[in-house]
Amino acid sequence: MKKAQGLSMNVIIIAAIALLVLVILAVIFIGRMGKTTQSIDKCPGHCMDSQTGDNDADCKAQYGTYYKYTTDPCLDPTTNKPNSQICCVGV
């Protein structure tokens, strides 16, 4: 008697498990991307209120000669949304 010429049950089970693992990894990766983007985008320096309306002057008053005003958002700690503060980084 000849054996059937098709996919064995073992191959089908292994393929199903491999597909399930790939789906789980994709879900984990996509979920982590949002958190990584938020942490990369937030202010790496000091968030402060603009006192004069001149962001460069405010950063210079905080850090002296060596500073950089960035456009990175300052996130409100309670809502995790950008607020009206400016981001200054000492160099």
N, C-alpha and C. Protein backbone atom coordinates (compact mmCIF):
# COMPACT_ATOMS: atom_id res chain seq x y z
N MET A 1 0.82 -1.17 0.00
CA MET A 1 0.00 0.00 0.00
C MET A 1 0.88 1.25 0.00
N LYS A 2 0.52 2.23 -0.80
CA LYS A 2 1.24 3.48 -0.90
C LYS A 2 0.79 4.45 0.18
N LYS A 3 1.79 5.27 0.67
CA LYS A 3 1.42 6.33 1.62
C LYS A 3 0.82 7.49 0.86
N ALA A 4 -0.03 8.25 1.54
CA ALA A 4 -0.67 9.40 0.90
C ALA A 4 0.38 10.47 0.60
N GLN A 5 0.23 11.16 -0.48
CA GLN A 5 1.15 12.21 -0.90
C GLN A 5 0.60 13.57 -0.50
N GLY A 6 0.59 13.88 0.76
CA GLY A 6 0.07 15.17 1.23
C GLY A 6 0.85 15.62 2.45
N LEU A 7 0.39 16.70 3.03
CA LEU A 7 1.04 17.20 4.24
C LEU A 7 0.66 16.31 5.41
N SER A 8 1.67 15.95 6.18
CA SER A 8 1.37 15.13 7.35
C SER A 8 0.77 16.01 8.45
N MET A 9 0.16 15.39 9.41
CA MET A 9 -0.48 16.11 10.50
C MET A 9 0.57 16.87 11.31
N ASN A 10 1.78 16.31 11.47
CA ASN A 10 2.84 16.97 12.23
C ASN A 10 3.24 18.30 11.58
N VAL A 11 3.36 18.33 10.26
CA VAL A 11 3.74 19.54 9.55
C VAL A 11 2.66 20.61 9.72
N ILE A 12 1.41 20.24 9.66
CA ILE A 12 0.32 21.18 9.83
C ILE A 12 0.31 21.76 11.24
N ILE A 13 0.54 20.93 12.24
CA ILE A 13 0.55 21.39 13.63
C ILE A 13 1.73 22.34 13.86
N ILE A 14 2.90 22.00 13.36
CA ILE A 14 4.09 22.86 13.52
C ILE A 14 3.88 24.20 12.82
N ALA A 15 3.28 24.18 11.63
CA ALA A 15 3.01 25.42 10.90
C ALA A 15 2.02 26.30 11.67
N ALA A 16 1.00 25.70 12.27
CA ALA A 16 0.02 26.45 13.04
C ALA A 16 0.66 27.08 14.28
N ILE A 17 1.52 26.34 14.95
CA ILE A 17 2.21 26.88 16.13
C ILE A 17 3.14 28.01 15.73
N ALA A 18 3.87 27.85 14.63
CA ALA A 18 4.77 28.90 14.15
C ALA A 18 3.98 30.16 13.79
N LEU A 19 2.84 30.01 13.16
CA LEU A 19 2.00 31.15 12.82
C LEU A 19 1.49 31.85 14.07
N LEU A 20 1.10 31.09 15.08
CA LEU A 20 0.63 31.66 16.33
C LEU A 20 1.75 32.46 17.02
N VAL A 21 2.96 31.93 17.03
CA VAL A 21 4.10 32.63 17.62
C VAL A 21 4.36 33.93 16.87
N LEU A 22 4.30 33.92 15.56
CA LEU A 22 4.52 35.14 14.77
C LEU A 22 3.46 36.20 15.06
N VAL A 23 2.22 35.78 15.21
CA VAL A 23 1.15 36.72 15.52
C VAL A 23 1.37 37.34 16.91
N ILE A 24 1.75 36.54 17.88
CA ILE A 24 2.00 37.04 19.24
C ILE A 24 3.17 38.02 19.22
N LEU A 25 4.25 37.71 18.52
CA LEU A 25 5.39 38.61 18.42
C LEU A 25 5.00 39.92 17.73
N ALA A 26 4.18 39.86 16.71
CA ALA A 26 3.74 41.07 16.02
C ALA A 26 2.92 41.95 16.95
N VAL A 27 2.04 41.38 17.74
CA VAL A 27 1.22 42.14 18.68
C VAL A 27 2.11 42.81 19.73
N ILE A 28 3.08 42.09 20.26
CA ILE A 28 4.00 42.66 21.25
C ILE A 28 4.80 43.80 20.63
N PHE A 29 5.33 43.60 19.44
CA PHE A 29 6.15 44.61 18.78
C PHE A 29 5.35 45.87 18.49
N ILE A 30 4.15 45.73 17.97
CA ILE A 30 3.33 46.89 17.63
C ILE A 30 2.93 47.64 18.90
N GLY A 31 2.63 46.95 19.98
CA GLY A 31 2.28 47.60 21.24
C GLY A 31 3.44 48.37 21.82
N ARG A 32 4.65 47.84 21.70
CA ARG A 32 5.84 48.50 22.24
C ARG A 32 6.24 49.72 21.40
N MET A 33 5.90 49.73 20.12
CA MET A 33 6.30 50.84 19.26
C MET A 33 5.72 52.17 19.75
N GLY A 34 4.48 52.17 20.20
CA GLY A 34 3.86 53.39 20.68
C GLY A 34 4.56 53.94 21.91
N LYS A 35 4.92 53.06 22.84
CA LYS A 35 5.61 53.50 24.05
C LYS A 35 7.01 54.01 23.72
N THR A 36 7.69 53.35 22.81
CA THR A 36 9.04 53.76 22.42
C THR A 36 8.99 55.13 21.75
N THR A 37 8.02 55.35 20.90
CA THR A 37 7.91 56.64 20.22
C THR A 37 7.67 57.75 21.22
N GLN A 38 6.83 57.53 22.22
CA GLN A 38 6.57 58.55 23.23
C GLN A 38 7.84 58.88 24.01
N SER A 39 8.60 57.87 24.38
CA SER A 39 9.80 58.14 25.17
C SER A 39 10.89 58.80 24.35
N ILE A 40 10.94 58.54 23.06
CA ILE A 40 11.94 59.19 22.20
C ILE A 40 11.55 60.64 21.95
N ASP A 41 10.27 60.90 21.79
CA ASP A 41 9.81 62.24 21.43
C ASP A 41 9.79 63.23 22.58
N LYS A 42 9.79 62.77 23.82
CA LYS A 42 9.64 63.73 24.91
C LYS A 42 10.95 64.48 25.19
N CYS A 43 10.84 65.54 25.89
CA CYS A 43 11.96 66.46 26.15
C CYS A 43 13.10 65.76 26.89
N PRO A 44 14.33 65.80 26.34
CA PRO A 44 15.46 65.18 27.02
C PRO A 44 16.10 66.07 28.08
N GLY A 45 15.67 67.30 28.16
CA GLY A 45 16.30 68.25 29.08
C GLY A 45 15.37 68.69 30.19
N HIS A 46 15.25 69.99 30.35
CA HIS A 46 14.46 70.58 31.44
C HIS A 46 13.24 71.29 30.85
N CYS A 47 12.07 70.94 31.33
CA CYS A 47 10.85 71.62 30.90
C CYS A 47 10.61 72.81 31.81
N MET A 48 10.31 73.95 31.23
CA MET A 48 10.07 75.15 32.03
C MET A 48 9.03 76.02 31.36
N ASP A 49 8.39 76.84 32.16
CA ASP A 49 7.43 77.81 31.63
C ASP A 49 8.19 78.96 30.99
N SER A 50 7.71 79.43 29.88
CA SER A 50 8.33 80.58 29.23
C SER A 50 7.95 81.84 30.01
N GLN A 51 8.95 82.51 30.55
CA GLN A 51 8.71 83.70 31.37
C GLN A 51 8.55 84.95 30.53
N THR A 52 9.32 85.05 29.46
CA THR A 52 9.33 86.29 28.68
C THR A 52 8.66 86.15 27.33
N GLY A 53 8.36 84.93 26.93
CA GLY A 53 7.83 84.71 25.58
C GLY A 53 8.95 84.49 24.57
N ASP A 54 10.19 84.76 24.97
CA ASP A 54 11.35 84.52 24.11
C ASP A 54 12.02 83.24 24.61
N ASN A 55 11.77 82.14 23.92
CA ASN A 55 12.24 80.84 24.38
C ASN A 55 13.76 80.78 24.49
N ASP A 56 14.47 81.38 23.53
CA ASP A 56 15.93 81.37 23.60
C ASP A 56 16.43 82.10 24.85
N ALA A 57 15.85 83.24 25.16
CA ALA A 57 16.27 84.01 26.34
C ALA A 57 15.96 83.24 27.62
N ASP A 58 14.82 82.55 27.66
CA ASP A 58 14.46 81.77 28.84
C ASP A 58 15.44 80.62 29.06
N CYS A 59 15.82 79.93 27.99
CA CYS A 59 16.77 78.83 28.11
C CYS A 59 18.14 79.35 28.53
N LYS A 60 18.54 80.49 27.98
CA LYS A 60 19.83 81.07 28.32
C LYS A 60 19.87 81.46 29.80
N ALA A 61 18.76 81.98 30.32
CA ALA A 61 18.70 82.35 31.74
C ALA A 61 18.82 81.11 32.63
N GLN A 62 18.30 79.98 32.16
CA GLN A 62 18.34 78.74 32.94
C GLN A 62 19.72 78.09 32.89
N TYR A 63 20.35 78.05 31.71
CA TYR A 63 21.57 77.27 31.52
C TYR A 63 22.81 78.11 31.27
N GLY A 64 22.69 79.40 31.13
CA GLY A 64 23.87 80.21 30.84
C GLY A 64 24.17 80.20 29.34
N THR A 65 25.44 80.24 29.00
CA THR A 65 25.86 80.37 27.61
C THR A 65 25.59 79.11 26.79
N TYR A 66 25.75 77.96 27.39
CA TYR A 66 25.66 76.70 26.64
C TYR A 66 24.31 76.04 26.85
N TYR A 67 23.44 76.21 25.90
CA TYR A 67 22.08 75.68 25.99
C TYR A 67 21.56 75.42 24.57
N LYS A 68 20.46 74.73 24.50
CA LYS A 68 19.76 74.55 23.23
C LYS A 68 18.28 74.50 23.53
N TYR A 69 17.53 75.31 22.83
CA TYR A 69 16.07 75.26 22.89
C TYR A 69 15.63 74.24 21.85
N THR A 70 14.83 73.28 22.24
CA THR A 70 14.37 72.25 21.29
C THR A 70 12.86 72.36 21.10
N THR A 71 12.39 71.74 20.06
CA THR A 71 10.95 71.69 19.79
C THR A 71 10.33 70.41 20.33
N ASP A 72 11.11 69.61 21.08
CA ASP A 72 10.56 68.39 21.67
C ASP A 72 9.47 68.77 22.67
N PRO A 73 8.38 68.03 22.71
CA PRO A 73 7.28 68.41 23.60
C PRO A 73 7.58 68.08 25.06
N CYS A 74 7.08 68.91 25.94
CA CYS A 74 7.09 68.62 27.37
C CYS A 74 5.74 67.99 27.68
N LEU A 75 5.76 66.79 28.26
CA LEU A 75 4.52 66.06 28.50
C LEU A 75 4.02 66.30 29.91
N ASP A 76 2.72 66.54 30.03
CA ASP A 76 2.08 66.67 31.32
C ASP A 76 2.12 65.31 32.01
N PRO A 77 2.62 65.23 33.25
CA PRO A 77 2.75 63.92 33.90
C PRO A 77 1.42 63.21 34.17
N THR A 78 0.34 63.95 34.30
CA THR A 78 -0.94 63.29 34.60
C THR A 78 -1.66 62.80 33.35
N THR A 79 -1.60 63.57 32.27
CA THR A 79 -2.32 63.18 31.06
C THR A 79 -1.42 62.60 29.98
N ASN A 80 -0.09 62.77 30.14
CA ASN A 80 0.88 62.31 29.16
C ASN A 80 0.68 62.97 27.79
N LYS A 81 0.11 64.16 27.80
CA LYS A 81 -0.10 64.95 26.58
C LYS A 81 0.82 66.16 26.63
N PRO A 82 1.19 66.68 25.45
CA PRO A 82 2.05 67.88 25.44
C PRO A 82 1.39 69.06 26.15
N ASN A 83 2.20 69.80 26.91
CA ASN A 83 1.69 70.99 27.58
C ASN A 83 2.36 72.23 26.98
N SER A 84 2.18 73.37 27.61
CA SER A 84 2.65 74.64 27.04
C SER A 84 4.08 74.99 27.42
N GLN A 85 4.75 74.10 28.16
CA GLN A 85 6.12 74.41 28.57
C GLN A 85 7.09 74.28 27.40
N ILE A 86 8.27 74.88 27.57
CA ILE A 86 9.32 74.77 26.56
C ILE A 86 10.39 73.81 27.06
N CYS A 87 11.13 73.25 26.13
CA CYS A 87 12.16 72.27 26.45
C CYS A 87 13.54 72.89 26.23
N CYS A 88 14.35 72.93 27.28
CA CYS A 88 15.70 73.46 27.19
C CYS A 88 16.69 72.35 27.57
N VAL A 89 17.77 72.28 26.82
CA VAL A 89 18.79 71.27 27.08
C VAL A 89 20.11 71.98 27.28
N GLY A 90 20.75 71.75 28.42
CA GLY A 90 22.07 72.29 28.66
C GLY A 90 23.11 71.47 27.89
N VAL A 91 24.06 72.17 27.32
CA VAL A 91 25.07 71.47 26.50
C VAL A 91 26.37 71.43 27.26
